[in-house]
Amino acid sequence: MAQINVTPLVDVMLVLLIIFMISAPVITHKTKLDLPQRSSKIMETPPSVHLAIQADGTMYWNGTPVSSDQLRTQLSIAAMQSTQPALEIDAADGAAYDAVAKVMAEAKAQGLARIDMLGVQ
């Protein structure tokens, strides 16, 4: 009389049951996400100021040439406005890193909250 030995089958089934019991809480882990809600309110874009820094170090505030002192004054005026404009810095390819870093540091020191760097388009 031939009989099937079910002991190895039961052992494998118990091991699989234990593996599934351990891995089930990991699979069902929930993460809470705060997704943005849809709004009918129209977002207003803040005004922006364009500052171009040329390769030779000259700076243009909205197309008007400015010196370092005039730039400091313009930055302080922009920082005092009720709705601060975004400062868009457009540095030329050959502009010195030091000149751009000084402008960014001065803008931050004057209290401008938003400084954008424009790239090649």
PDB file of N, CA and C in Angstrom:
ATOM      1  N   MET A   1       0.847  -1.161   0.000  1.00  0.00           N
ATOM      2  CA  MET A   1       0.000   0.000   0.000  1.00  0.00           C
ATOM      3  C   MET A   1       0.902   1.236   0.000  1.00  0.00           C
ATOM      4  N   ALA A   2       0.699   2.102  -0.958  1.00  0.00           N
ATOM      5  CA  ALA A   2       1.510   3.319  -1.086  1.00  0.00           C
ATOM      6  C   ALA A   2       0.775   4.489  -0.464  1.00  0.00           C
ATOM      7  N   GLN A   3       1.471   5.243   0.420  1.00  0.00           N
ATOM      8  CA  GLN A   3       0.887   6.423   1.054  1.00  0.00           C
ATOM      9  C   GLN A   3       1.773   7.642   0.771  1.00  0.00           C
ATOM     10  N   ILE A   4       1.128   8.779   0.681  1.00  0.00           N
ATOM     11  CA  ILE A   4       1.863  10.016   0.441  1.00  0.00           C
ATOM     12  C   ILE A   4       2.277  10.588   1.783  1.00  0.00           C
ATOM     13  N   ASN A   5       3.547  10.984   1.887  1.00  0.00           N
ATOM     14  CA  ASN A   5       4.047  11.603   3.104  1.00  0.00           C
ATOM     15  C   ASN A   5       3.733  13.106   3.035  1.00  0.00           C
ATOM     16  N   VAL A   6       2.831  13.584   3.891  1.00  0.00           N
ATOM     17  CA  VAL A   6       2.400  14.986   3.858  1.00  0.00           C
ATOM     18  C   VAL A   6       3.178  15.874   4.828  1.00  0.00           C
ATOM     19  N   THR A   7       4.086  15.328   5.586  1.00  0.00           N
ATOM     20  CA  THR A   7       4.843  16.126   6.567  1.00  0.00           C
ATOM     21  C   THR A   7       5.649  17.242   5.890  1.00  0.00           C
ATOM     22  N   PRO A   8       6.397  16.996   4.807  1.00  0.00           N
ATOM     23  CA  PRO A   8       7.121  18.106   4.166  1.00  0.00           C
ATOM     24  C   PRO A   8       6.176  19.167   3.598  1.00  0.00           C
ATOM     25  N   LEU A   9       5.030  18.740   3.115  1.00  0.00           N
ATOM     26  CA  LEU A   9       4.055  19.689   2.592  1.00  0.00           C
ATOM     27  C   LEU A   9       3.528  20.587   3.708  1.00  0.00           C
ATOM     28  N   VAL A  10       3.250  20.036   4.859  1.00  0.00           N
ATOM     29  CA  VAL A  10       2.772  20.817   6.001  1.00  0.00           C
ATOM     30  C   VAL A  10       3.860  21.768   6.468  1.00  0.00           C
ATOM     31  N   ASP A  11       5.111  21.318   6.502  1.00  0.00           N
ATOM     32  CA  ASP A  11       6.228  22.188   6.910  1.00  0.00           C
ATOM     33  C   ASP A  11       6.361  23.395   5.983  1.00  0.00           C
ATOM     34  N   VAL A  12       6.290  23.188   4.694  1.00  0.00           N
ATOM     35  CA  VAL A  12       6.397  24.274   3.722  1.00  0.00           C
ATOM     36  C   VAL A  12       5.224  25.233   3.870  1.00  0.00           C
ATOM     37  N   MET A  13       4.048  24.698   4.069  1.00  0.00           N
ATOM     38  CA  MET A  13       2.877  25.550   4.230  1.00  0.00           C
ATOM     39  C   MET A  13       2.970  26.402   5.498  1.00  0.00           C
ATOM     40  N   LEU A  14       3.474  25.873   6.575  1.00  0.00           N
ATOM     41  CA  LEU A  14       3.631  26.635   7.814  1.00  0.00           C
ATOM     42  C   LEU A  14       4.669  27.749   7.650  1.00  0.00           C
ATOM     43  N   VAL A  15       5.750  27.446   6.966  1.00  0.00           N
ATOM     44  CA  VAL A  15       6.783  28.469   6.723  1.00  0.00           C
ATOM     45  C   VAL A  15       6.204  29.596   5.865  1.00  0.00           C
ATOM     46  N   LEU A  16       5.459  29.254   4.834  1.00  0.00           N
ATOM     47  CA  LEU A  16       4.843  30.275   3.994  1.00  0.00           C
ATOM     48  C   LEU A  16       3.832  31.096   4.777  1.00  0.00           C
ATOM     49  N   LEU A  17       3.086  30.445   5.661  1.00  0.00           N
ATOM     50  CA  LEU A  17       2.119  31.156   6.486  1.00  0.00           C
ATOM     51  C   LEU A  17       2.826  32.163   7.395  1.00  0.00           C
ATOM     52  N   ILE A  18       3.911  31.778   7.986  1.00  0.00           N
ATOM     53  CA  ILE A  18       4.672  32.686   8.856  1.00  0.00           C
ATOM     54  C   ILE A  18       5.243  33.857   8.055  1.00  0.00           C
ATOM     55  N   ILE A  19       5.759  33.590   6.867  1.00  0.00           N
ATOM     56  CA  ILE A  19       6.303  34.654   6.024  1.00  0.00           C
ATOM     57  C   ILE A  19       5.211  35.653   5.656  1.00  0.00           C
ATOM     58  N   PHE A  20       4.042  35.169   5.286  1.00  0.00           N
ATOM     59  CA  PHE A  20       2.935  36.063   4.940  1.00  0.00           C
ATOM     60  C   PHE A  20       2.442  36.846   6.153  1.00  0.00           C
ATOM     61  N   MET A  21       2.439  36.235   7.322  1.00  0.00           N
ATOM     62  CA  MET A  21       1.998  36.941   8.516  1.00  0.00           C
ATOM     63  C   MET A  21       2.963  38.063   8.894  1.00  0.00           C
ATOM     64  N   ILE A  22       4.235  37.856   8.669  1.00  0.00           N
ATOM     65  CA  ILE A  22       5.228  38.894   8.990  1.00  0.00           C
ATOM     66  C   ILE A  22       5.205  40.011   7.954  1.00  0.00           C
ATOM     67  N   SER A  23       5.061  39.674   6.695  1.00  0.00           N
ATOM     68  CA  SER A  23       5.127  40.693   5.645  1.00  0.00           C
ATOM     69  C   SER A  23       3.806  41.420   5.414  1.00  0.00           C
ATOM     70  N   ALA A  24       2.699  40.939   5.900  1.00  0.00           N
ATOM     71  CA  ALA A  24       1.402  41.576   5.673  1.00  0.00           C
ATOM     72  C   ALA A  24       1.314  42.975   6.283  1.00  0.00           C
ATOM     73  N   PRO A  25       1.763  43.217   7.521  1.00  0.00           N
ATOM     74  CA  PRO A  25       1.686  44.590   8.041  1.00  0.00           C
ATOM     75  C   PRO A  25       2.553  45.581   7.244  1.00  0.00           C
ATOM     76  N   VAL A  26       3.644  45.128   6.692  1.00  0.00           N
ATOM     77  CA  VAL A  26       4.504  46.011   5.901  1.00  0.00           C
ATOM     78  C   VAL A  26       3.811  46.401   4.604  1.00  0.00           C
ATOM     79  N   ILE A  27       3.096  45.501   4.020  1.00  0.00           N
ATOM     80  CA  ILE A  27       2.417  45.763   2.757  1.00  0.00           C
ATOM     81  C   ILE A  27       1.250  46.724   2.952  1.00  0.00           C
ATOM     82  N   THR A  28       0.557  46.625   4.081  1.00  0.00           N
ATOM     83  CA  THR A  28      -0.636  47.441   4.304  1.00  0.00           C
ATOM     84  C   THR A  28      -0.327  48.734   5.063  1.00  0.00           C
ATOM     85  N   HIS A  29       0.927  49.116   5.161  1.00  0.00           N
ATOM     86  CA  HIS A  29       1.302  50.351   5.856  1.00  0.00           C
ATOM     87  C   HIS A  29       0.740  51.548   5.106  1.00  0.00           C
ATOM     88  N   LYS A  30       0.059  52.437   5.834  1.00  0.00           N
ATOM     89  CA  LYS A  30      -0.582  53.587   5.204  1.00  0.00           C
ATOM     90  C   LYS A  30       0.221  54.841   5.502  1.00  0.00           C
ATOM     91  N   THR A  31       0.329  55.684   4.513  1.00  0.00           N
ATOM     92  CA  THR A  31       0.995  56.961   4.667  1.00  0.00           C
ATOM     93  C   THR A  31      -0.011  58.059   4.391  1.00  0.00           C
ATOM     94  N   LYS A  32      -0.109  58.997   5.313  1.00  0.00           N
ATOM     95  CA  LYS A  32      -1.053  60.088   5.147  1.00  0.00           C
ATOM     96  C   LYS A  32      -0.403  61.176   4.294  1.00  0.00           C
ATOM     97  N   LEU A  33      -1.097  61.607   3.268  1.00  0.00           N
ATOM     98  CA  LEU A  33      -0.617  62.657   2.379  1.00  0.00           C
ATOM     99  C   LEU A  33      -1.560  63.842   2.437  1.00  0.00           C
ATOM    100  N   ASP A  34      -0.998  65.020   2.537  1.00  0.00           N
ATOM    101  CA  ASP A  34      -1.787  66.237   2.472  1.00  0.00           C
ATOM    102  C   ASP A  34      -1.685  66.779   1.053  1.00  0.00           C
ATOM    103  N   LEU A  35      -2.653  66.434   0.235  1.00  0.00           N
ATOM    104  CA  LEU A  35      -2.652  66.864  -1.156  1.00  0.00           C
ATOM    105  C   LEU A  35      -3.283  68.241  -1.277  1.00  0.00           C
ATOM    106  N   PRO A  36      -2.817  69.037  -2.221  1.00  0.00           N
ATOM    107  CA  PRO A  36      -3.423  70.357  -2.384  1.00  0.00           C
ATOM    108  C   PRO A  36      -4.867  70.231  -2.855  1.00  0.00           C
ATOM    109  N   GLN A  37      -5.689  71.137  -2.352  1.00  0.00           N
ATOM    110  CA  GLN A  37      -7.090  71.125  -2.716  1.00  0.00           C
ATOM    111  C   GLN A  37      -7.324  72.072  -3.891  1.00  0.00           C
ATOM    112  N   ARG A  38      -8.286  71.750  -4.663  1.00  0.00           N
ATOM    113  CA  ARG A  38      -8.640  72.559  -5.815  1.00  0.00           C
ATOM    114  C   ARG A  38      -9.298  73.849  -5.343  1.00  0.00           C
ATOM    115  N   SER A  39      -8.937  74.948  -5.960  1.00  0.00           N
ATOM    116  CA  SER A  39      -9.459  76.228  -5.531  1.00  0.00           C
ATOM    117  C   SER A  39      -9.918  77.024  -6.745  1.00  0.00           C
ATOM    118  N   SER A  40     -10.980  77.794  -6.555  1.00  0.00           N
ATOM    119  CA  SER A  40     -11.455  78.643  -7.639  1.00  0.00           C
ATOM    120  C   SER A  40     -10.796  80.018  -7.579  1.00  0.00           C
ATOM    121  N   LYS A  41     -10.023  80.260  -6.544  1.00  0.00           N
ATOM    122  CA  LYS A  41      -9.336  81.537  -6.387  1.00  0.00           C
ATOM    123  C   LYS A  41      -8.186  81.618  -7.383  1.00  0.00           C
ATOM    124  N   ILE A  42      -8.092  82.728  -8.072  1.00  0.00           N
ATOM    125  CA  ILE A  42      -7.036  82.914  -9.069  1.00  0.00           C
ATOM    126  C   ILE A  42      -5.774  83.383  -8.355  1.00  0.00           C
ATOM    127  N   MET A  43      -4.694  82.668  -8.623  1.00  0.00           N
ATOM    128  CA  MET A  43      -3.420  83.018  -8.009  1.00  0.00           C
ATOM    129  C   MET A  43      -2.820  84.214  -8.740  1.00  0.00           C
ATOM    130  N   GLU A  44      -2.451  85.210  -7.983  1.00  0.00           N
ATOM    131  CA  GLU A  44      -1.816  86.378  -8.575  1.00  0.00           C
ATOM    132  C   GLU A  44      -0.313  86.177  -8.566  1.00  0.00           C
ATOM    133  N   THR A  45       0.319  86.437  -9.688  1.00  0.00           N
ATOM    134  CA  THR A  45       1.763  86.322  -9.747  1.00  0.00           C
ATOM    135  C   THR A  45       2.363  87.615  -9.216  1.00  0.00           C
ATOM    136  N   PRO A  46       3.358  87.492  -8.340  1.00  0.00           N
ATOM    137  CA  PRO A  46       3.961  88.699  -7.797  1.00  0.00           C
ATOM    138  C   PRO A  46       4.738  89.435  -8.893  1.00  0.00           C
ATOM    139  N   PRO A  47       4.893  90.743  -8.733  1.00  0.00           N
ATOM    140  CA  PRO A  47       5.673  91.478  -9.731  1.00  0.00           C
ATOM    141  C   PRO A  47       7.123  90.995  -9.709  1.00  0.00           C
ATOM    142  N   SER A  48       7.807  91.204 -10.792  1.00  0.00           N
ATOM    143  CA  SER A  48       9.193  90.760 -10.848  1.00  0.00           C
ATOM    144  C   SER A  48      10.085  91.888 -11.343  1.00  0.00           C
ATOM    145  N   VAL A  49      11.323  91.831 -10.927  1.00  0.00           N
ATOM    146  CA  VAL A  49      12.343  92.793 -11.331  1.00  0.00           C
ATOM    147  C   VAL A  49      13.433  92.008 -12.032  1.00  0.00           C
ATOM    148  N   HIS A  50      13.808  92.453 -13.210  1.00  0.00           N
ATOM    149  CA  HIS A  50      14.823  91.770 -14.008  1.00  0.00           C
ATOM    150  C   HIS A  50      16.163  92.462 -13.804  1.00  0.00           C
ATOM    151  N   LEU A  51      17.155  91.714 -13.314  1.00  0.00           N
ATOM    152  CA  LEU A  51      18.501  92.239 -13.120  1.00  0.00           C
ATOM    153  C   LEU A  51      19.449  91.446 -14.006  1.00  0.00           C
ATOM    154  N   ALA A  52      20.015  92.127 -14.997  1.00  0.00           N
ATOM    155  CA  ALA A  52      20.950  91.472 -15.914  1.00  0.00           C
ATOM    156  C   ALA A  52      22.374  91.828 -15.508  1.00  0.00           C
ATOM    157  N   ILE A  53      23.225  90.818 -15.419  1.00  0.00           N
ATOM    158  CA  ILE A  53      24.640  91.022 -15.110  1.00  0.00           C
ATOM    159  C   ILE A  53      25.428  90.592 -16.332  1.00  0.00           C
ATOM    160  N   GLN A  54      26.118  91.535 -16.938  1.00  0.00           N
ATOM    161  CA  GLN A  54      26.885  91.275 -18.157  1.00  0.00           C
ATOM    162  C   GLN A  54      28.245  90.677 -17.810  1.00  0.00           C
ATOM    163  N   ALA A  55      28.951  90.195 -18.827  1.00  0.00           N
ATOM    164  CA  ALA A  55      30.254  89.561 -18.630  1.00  0.00           C
ATOM    165  C   ALA A  55      31.290  90.554 -18.101  1.00  0.00           C
ATOM    166  N   ASP A  56      31.154  91.834 -18.459  1.00  0.00           N
ATOM    167  CA  ASP A  56      32.127  92.827 -17.997  1.00  0.00           C
ATOM    168  C   ASP A  56      31.784  93.380 -16.620  1.00  0.00           C
ATOM    169  N   GLY A  57      30.708  92.926 -15.992  1.00  0.00           N
ATOM    170  CA  GLY A  57      30.344  93.341 -14.649  1.00  0.00           C
ATOM    171  C   GLY A  57      29.283  94.421 -14.585  1.00  0.00           C
ATOM    172  N   THR A  58      28.860  94.950 -15.718  1.00  0.00           N
ATOM    173  CA  THR A  58      27.807  95.966 -15.696  1.00  0.00           C
ATOM    174  C   THR A  58      26.473  95.306 -15.391  1.00  0.00           C
ATOM    175  N   MET A  59      25.631  96.064 -14.692  1.00  0.00           N
ATOM    176  CA  MET A  59      24.334  95.536 -14.273  1.00  0.00           C
ATOM    177  C   MET A  59      23.222  96.420 -14.816  1.00  0.00           C
ATOM    178  N   TYR A  60      22.111  95.789 -15.170  1.00  0.00           N
ATOM    179  CA  TYR A  60      20.953  96.491 -15.720  1.00  0.00           C
ATOM    180  C   TYR A  60      19.722  96.125 -14.913  1.00  0.00           C
ATOM    181  N   TRP A  61      19.095  97.119 -14.282  1.00  0.00           N
ATOM    182  CA  TRP A  61      17.882  96.951 -13.499  1.00  0.00           C
ATOM    183  C   TRP A  61      16.704  97.262 -14.410  1.00  0.00           C
ATOM    184  N   ASN A  62      15.992  96.255 -14.857  1.00  0.00           N
ATOM    185  CA  ASN A  62      14.888  96.409 -15.814  1.00  0.00           C
ATOM    186  C   ASN A  62      15.326  97.181 -17.056  1.00  0.00           C
ATOM    187  N   GLY A  63      16.511  96.904 -17.541  1.00  0.00           N
ATOM    188  CA  GLY A  63      17.019  97.535 -18.757  1.00  0.00           C
ATOM    189  C   GLY A  63      17.768  98.831 -18.537  1.00  0.00           C
ATOM    190  N   THR A  64      17.792  99.346 -17.315  1.00  0.00           N
ATOM    191  CA  THR A  64      18.491 100.599 -17.007  1.00  0.00           C
ATOM    192  C   THR A  64      19.809 100.278 -16.327  1.00  0.00           C
ATOM    193  N   PRO A  65      20.922 100.829 -16.813  1.00  0.00           N
ATOM    194  CA  PRO A  65      22.213 100.555 -16.170  1.00  0.00           C
ATOM    195  C   PRO A  65      22.247 101.114 -14.744  1.00  0.00           C
ATOM    196  N   VAL A  66      22.779 100.301 -13.820  1.00  0.00           N
ATOM    197  CA  VAL A  66      22.894 100.718 -12.417  1.00  0.00           C
ATOM    198  C   VAL A  66      24.288 100.402 -11.904  1.00  0.00           C
ATOM    199  N   SER A  67      24.758 101.218 -10.934  1.00  0.00           N
ATOM    200  CA  SER A  67      26.027 100.944 -10.271  1.00  0.00           C
ATOM    201  C   SER A  67      25.741 100.108  -9.024  1.00  0.00           C
ATOM    202  N   SER A  68      26.782  99.765  -8.293  1.00  0.00           N
ATOM    203  CA  SER A  68      26.606  98.947  -7.080  1.00  0.00           C
ATOM    204  C   SER A  68      25.797  99.693  -6.031  1.00  0.00           C
ATOM    205  N   ASP A  69      26.071 101.002  -5.866  1.00  0.00           N
ATOM    206  CA  ASP A  69      25.325 101.787  -4.877  1.00  0.00           C
ATOM    207  C   ASP A  69      23.857 101.932  -5.284  1.00  0.00           C
ATOM    208  N   GLN A  70      23.618 102.179  -6.559  1.00  0.00           N
ATOM    209  CA  GLN A  70      22.240 102.301  -7.036  1.00  0.00           C
ATOM    210  C   GLN A  70      21.506 100.966  -6.891  1.00  0.00           C
ATOM    211  N   LEU A  71      22.219  99.878  -7.126  1.00  0.00           N
ATOM    212  CA  LEU A  71      21.613  98.552  -6.972  1.00  0.00           C
ATOM    213  C   LEU A  71      21.204  98.329  -5.522  1.00  0.00           C
ATOM    214  N   ARG A  72      22.065  98.695  -4.575  1.00  0.00           N
ATOM    215  CA  ARG A  72      21.752  98.537  -3.158  1.00  0.00           C
ATOM    216  C   ARG A  72      20.493  99.340  -2.807  1.00  0.00           C
ATOM    217  N   THR A  73      20.403 100.556  -3.341  1.00  0.00           N
ATOM    218  CA  THR A  73      19.228 101.393  -3.088  1.00  0.00           C
ATOM    219  C   THR A  73      17.971 100.771  -3.689  1.00  0.00           C
ATOM    220  N   GLN A  74      18.079 100.296  -4.928  1.00  0.00           N
ATOM    221  CA  GLN A  74      16.926  99.678  -5.585  1.00  0.00           C
ATOM    222  C   GLN A  74      16.468  98.423  -4.845  1.00  0.00           C
ATOM    223  N   LEU A  75      17.427  97.641  -4.345  1.00  0.00           N
ATOM    224  CA  LEU A  75      17.069  96.425  -3.605  1.00  0.00           C
ATOM    225  C   LEU A  75      16.355  96.764  -2.297  1.00  0.00           C
ATOM    226  N   SER A  76      16.816  97.806  -1.606  1.00  0.00           N
ATOM    227  CA  SER A  76      16.161  98.188  -0.352  1.00  0.00           C
ATOM    228  C   SER A  76      14.756  98.725  -0.610  1.00  0.00           C
ATOM    229  N   ILE A  77      14.572  99.470  -1.705  1.00  0.00           N
ATOM    230  CA  ILE A  77      13.235  99.962  -2.056  1.00  0.00           C
ATOM    231  C   ILE A  77      12.309  98.798  -2.384  1.00  0.00           C
ATOM    232  N   ALA A  78      12.821  97.833  -3.149  1.00  0.00           N
ATOM    233  CA  ALA A  78      12.001  96.668  -3.517  1.00  0.00           C
ATOM    234  C   ALA A  78      11.640  95.842  -2.290  1.00  0.00           C
ATOM    235  N   ALA A  79      12.558  95.754  -1.319  1.00  0.00           N
ATOM    236  CA  ALA A  79      12.295  94.948  -0.124  1.00  0.00           C
ATOM    237  C   ALA A  79      11.264  95.598   0.784  1.00  0.00           C
ATOM    238  N   MET A  80      11.125  96.931   0.708  1.00  0.00           N
ATOM    239  CA  MET A  80      10.181  97.635   1.579  1.00  0.00           C
ATOM    240  C   MET A  80       8.758  97.652   1.038  1.00  0.00           C
ATOM    241  N   GLN A  81       8.544  97.219  -0.186  1.00  0.00           N
ATOM    242  CA  GLN A  81       7.208  97.239  -0.765  1.00  0.00           C
ATOM    243  C   GLN A  81       6.314  96.231  -0.059  1.00  0.00           C
ATOM    244  N   SER A  82       5.017  96.504  -0.070  1.00  0.00           N
ATOM    245  CA  SER A  82       4.081  95.607   0.621  1.00  0.00           C
ATOM    246  C   SER A  82       4.063  94.223  -0.034  1.00  0.00           C
ATOM    247  N   THR A  83       4.064  94.176  -1.356  1.00  0.00           N
ATOM    248  CA  THR A  83       4.218  92.899  -2.058  1.00  0.00           C
ATOM    249  C   THR A  83       5.584  92.926  -2.727  1.00  0.00           C
ATOM    250  N   GLN A  84       6.505  92.196  -2.137  1.00  0.00           N
ATOM    251  CA  GLN A  84       7.872  92.211  -2.643  1.00  0.00           C
ATOM    252  C   GLN A  84       7.935  91.594  -4.025  1.00  0.00           C
ATOM    253  N   PRO A  85       8.654  92.225  -4.936  1.00  0.00           N
ATOM    254  CA  PRO A  85       8.812  91.628  -6.260  1.00  0.00           C
ATOM    255  C   PRO A  85       9.835  90.493  -6.208  1.00  0.00           C
ATOM    256  N   ALA A  86       9.732  89.608  -7.161  1.00  0.00           N
ATOM    257  CA  ALA A  86      10.717  88.542  -7.296  1.00  0.00           C
ATOM    258  C   ALA A  86      11.893  89.098  -8.080  1.00  0.00           C
ATOM    259  N   LEU A  87      13.086  88.913  -7.567  1.00  0.00           N
ATOM    260  CA  LEU A  87      14.293  89.378  -8.251  1.00  0.00           C
ATOM    261  C   LEU A  87      14.757  88.287  -9.201  1.00  0.00           C
ATOM    262  N   GLU A  88      14.726  88.569 -10.494  1.00  0.00           N
ATOM    263  CA  GLU A  88      15.164  87.613 -11.508  1.00  0.00           C
ATOM    264  C   GLU A  88      16.557  88.009 -11.964  1.00  0.00           C
ATOM    265  N   ILE A  89      17.544  87.211 -11.587  1.00  0.00           N
ATOM    266  CA  ILE A  89      18.928  87.499 -11.949  1.00  0.00           C
ATOM    267  C   ILE A  89      19.257  86.745 -13.223  1.00  0.00           C
ATOM    268  N   ASP A  90      19.675  87.495 -14.232  1.00  0.00           N
ATOM    269  CA  ASP A  90      20.055  86.921 -15.527  1.00  0.00           C
ATOM    270  C   ASP A  90      21.532  87.211 -15.743  1.00  0.00           C
ATOM    271  N   ALA A  91      22.381  86.257 -15.384  1.00  0.00           N
ATOM    272  CA  ALA A  91      23.819  86.433 -15.514  1.00  0.00           C
ATOM    273  C   ALA A  91      24.271  85.924 -16.877  1.00  0.00           C
ATOM    274  N   ALA A  92      25.102  86.720 -17.546  1.00  0.00           N
ATOM    275  CA  ALA A  92      25.642  86.319 -18.844  1.00  0.00           C
ATOM    276  C   ALA A  92      26.616  85.156 -18.659  1.00  0.00           C
ATOM    277  N   ASP A  93      26.930  84.484 -19.745  1.00  0.00           N
ATOM    278  CA  ASP A  93      27.818  83.323 -19.674  1.00  0.00           C
ATOM    279  C   ASP A  93      29.187  83.669 -19.098  1.00  0.00           C
ATOM    280  N   GLY A  94      29.731  84.818 -19.450  1.00  0.00           N
ATOM    281  CA  GLY A  94      31.070  85.182 -18.995  1.00  0.00           C
ATOM    282  C   GLY A  94      31.081  85.983 -17.712  1.00  0.00           C
ATOM    283  N   ALA A  95      29.945  86.139 -17.047  1.00  0.00           N
ATOM    284  CA  ALA A  95      29.887  86.935 -15.809  1.00  0.00           C
ATOM    285  C   ALA A  95      30.657  86.233 -14.700  1.00  0.00           C
ATOM    286  N   ALA A  96      31.355  87.039 -13.911  1.00  0.00           N
ATOM    287  CA  ALA A  96      32.142  86.481 -12.809  1.00  0.00           C
ATOM    288  C   ALA A  96      31.217  85.952 -11.725  1.00  0.00           C
ATOM    289  N   TYR A  97      31.587  84.810 -11.190  1.00  0.00           N
ATOM    290  CA  TYR A  97      30.795  84.203 -10.119  1.00  0.00           C
ATOM    291  C   TYR A  97      30.731  85.130  -8.909  1.00  0.00           C
ATOM    292  N   ASP A  98      31.834  85.805  -8.638  1.00  0.00           N
ATOM    293  CA  ASP A  98      31.904  86.699  -7.495  1.00  0.00           C
ATOM    294  C   ASP A  98      30.880  87.824  -7.605  1.00  0.00           C
ATOM    295  N   ALA A  99      30.697  88.373  -8.802  1.00  0.00           N
ATOM    296  CA  ALA A  99      29.738  89.464  -8.996  1.00  0.00           C
ATOM    297  C   ALA A  99      28.309  88.979  -8.741  1.00  0.00           C
ATOM    298  N   VAL A 100      27.992  87.817  -9.230  1.00  0.00           N
ATOM    299  CA  VAL A 100      26.646  87.260  -9.037  1.00  0.00           C
ATOM    300  C   VAL A 100      26.422  86.929  -7.563  1.00  0.00           C
ATOM    301  N   ALA A 101      27.427  86.360  -6.905  1.00  0.00           N
ATOM    302  CA  ALA A 101      27.309  86.009  -5.489  1.00  0.00           C
ATOM    303  C   ALA A 101      27.119  87.259  -4.634  1.00  0.00           C
ATOM    304  N   LYS A 102      27.810  88.346  -4.970  1.00  0.00           N
ATOM    305  CA  LYS A 102      27.662  89.594  -4.217  1.00  0.00           C
ATOM    306  C   LYS A 102      26.247  90.152  -4.371  1.00  0.00           C
ATOM    307  N   VAL A 103      25.707  90.093  -5.580  1.00  0.00           N
ATOM    308  CA  VAL A 103      24.344  90.583  -5.806  1.00  0.00           C
ATOM    309  C   VAL A 103      23.343  89.751  -5.015  1.00  0.00           C
ATOM    310  N   MET A 104      23.501  88.438  -5.020  1.00  0.00           N
ATOM    311  CA  MET A 104      22.585  87.574  -4.280  1.00  0.00           C
ATOM    312  C   MET A 104      22.693  87.814  -2.778  1.00  0.00           C
ATOM    313  N   ALA A 105      23.916  88.002  -2.278  1.00  0.00           N
ATOM    314  CA  ALA A 105      24.109  88.261  -0.854  1.00  0.00           C
ATOM    315  C   ALA A 105      23.501  89.612  -0.467  1.00  0.00           C
ATOM    316  N   GLU A 106      23.661  90.609  -1.311  1.00  0.00           N
ATOM    317  CA  GLU A 106      23.090  91.929  -1.022  1.00  0.00           C
ATOM    318  C   GLU A 106      21.568  91.881  -1.042  1.00  0.00           C
ATOM    319  N   ALA A 107      20.992  91.146  -1.981  1.00  0.00           N
ATOM    320  CA  ALA A 107      19.537  91.022  -2.048  1.00  0.00           C
ATOM    321  C   ALA A 107      18.999  90.338  -0.800  1.00  0.00           C
ATOM    322  N   LYS A 108      19.676  89.314  -0.348  1.00  0.00           N
ATOM    323  CA  LYS A 108      19.253  88.616   0.867  1.00  0.00           C
ATOM    324  C   LYS A 108      19.426  89.516   2.080  1.00  0.00           C
ATOM    325  N   ALA A 109      20.509  90.286   2.120  1.00  0.00           N
ATOM    326  CA  ALA A 109      20.744  91.187   3.247  1.00  0.00           C
ATOM    327  C   ALA A 109      19.695  92.297   3.302  1.00  0.00           C
ATOM    328  N   GLN A 110      19.210  92.743   2.160  1.00  0.00           N
ATOM    329  CA  GLN A 110      18.193  93.787   2.126  1.00  0.00           C
ATOM    330  C   GLN A 110      16.814  93.241   2.501  1.00  0.00           C
ATOM    331  N   GLY A 111      16.646  91.925   2.453  1.00  0.00           N
ATOM    332  CA  GLY A 111      15.390  91.316   2.897  1.00  0.00           C
ATOM    333  C   GLY A 111      14.480  90.830   1.790  1.00  0.00           C
ATOM    334  N   LEU A 112      14.996  90.672   0.579  1.00  0.00           N
ATOM    335  CA  LEU A 112      14.162  90.126  -0.493  1.00  0.00           C
ATOM    336  C   LEU A 112      13.923  88.645  -0.240  1.00  0.00           C
ATOM    337  N   ALA A 113      12.675  88.236  -0.348  1.00  0.00           N
ATOM    338  CA  ALA A 113      12.303  86.863  -0.026  1.00  0.00           C
ATOM    339  C   ALA A 113      12.480  85.915  -1.198  1.00  0.00           C
ATOM    340  N   ARG A 114      12.333  86.409  -2.415  1.00  0.00           N
ATOM    341  CA  ARG A 114      12.367  85.517  -3.577  1.00  0.00           C
ATOM    342  C   ARG A 114      13.414  85.989  -4.574  1.00  0.00           C
ATOM    343  N   ILE A 115      14.396  85.143  -4.826  1.00  0.00           N
ATOM    344  CA  ILE A 115      15.448  85.425  -5.792  1.00  0.00           C
ATOM    345  C   ILE A 115      15.458  84.276  -6.788  1.00  0.00           C
ATOM    346  N   ASP A 116      15.239  84.598  -8.061  1.00  0.00           N
ATOM    347  CA  ASP A 116      15.213  83.584  -9.111  1.00  0.00           C
ATOM    348  C   ASP A 116      16.422  83.762 -10.013  1.00  0.00           C
ATOM    349  N   MET A 117      16.965  82.642 -10.459  1.00  0.00           N
ATOM    350  CA  MET A 117      18.059  82.674 -11.422  1.00  0.00           C
ATOM    351  C   MET A 117      17.486  82.265 -12.779  1.00  0.00           C
ATOM    352  N   LEU A 118      17.703  83.107 -13.770  1.00  0.00           N
ATOM    353  CA  LEU A 118      17.239  82.792 -15.116  1.00  0.00           C
ATOM    354  C   LEU A 118      18.352  82.054 -15.846  1.00  0.00           C
ATOM    355  N   GLY A 119      17.972  81.052 -16.608  1.00  0.00           N
ATOM    356  CA  GLY A 119      18.941  80.283 -17.357  1.00  0.00           C
ATOM    357  C   GLY A 119      18.845  80.558 -18.838  1.00  0.00           C
ATOM    358  N   VAL A 120      19.630  79.813 -19.587  1.00  0.00           N
ATOM    359  CA  VAL A 120      19.617  79.941 -21.041  1.00  0.00           C
ATOM    360  C   VAL A 120      18.330  79.328 -21.558  1.00  0.00           C
ATOM    361  N   GLN A 121      17.699  80.015 -22.463  1.00  0.00           N
ATOM    362  CA  GLN A 121      16.423  79.518 -22.984  1.00  0.00           C
ATOM    363  C   GLN A 121      16.547  79.096 -24.410  1.00  0.00           C
TER     364      GLN A 121
END
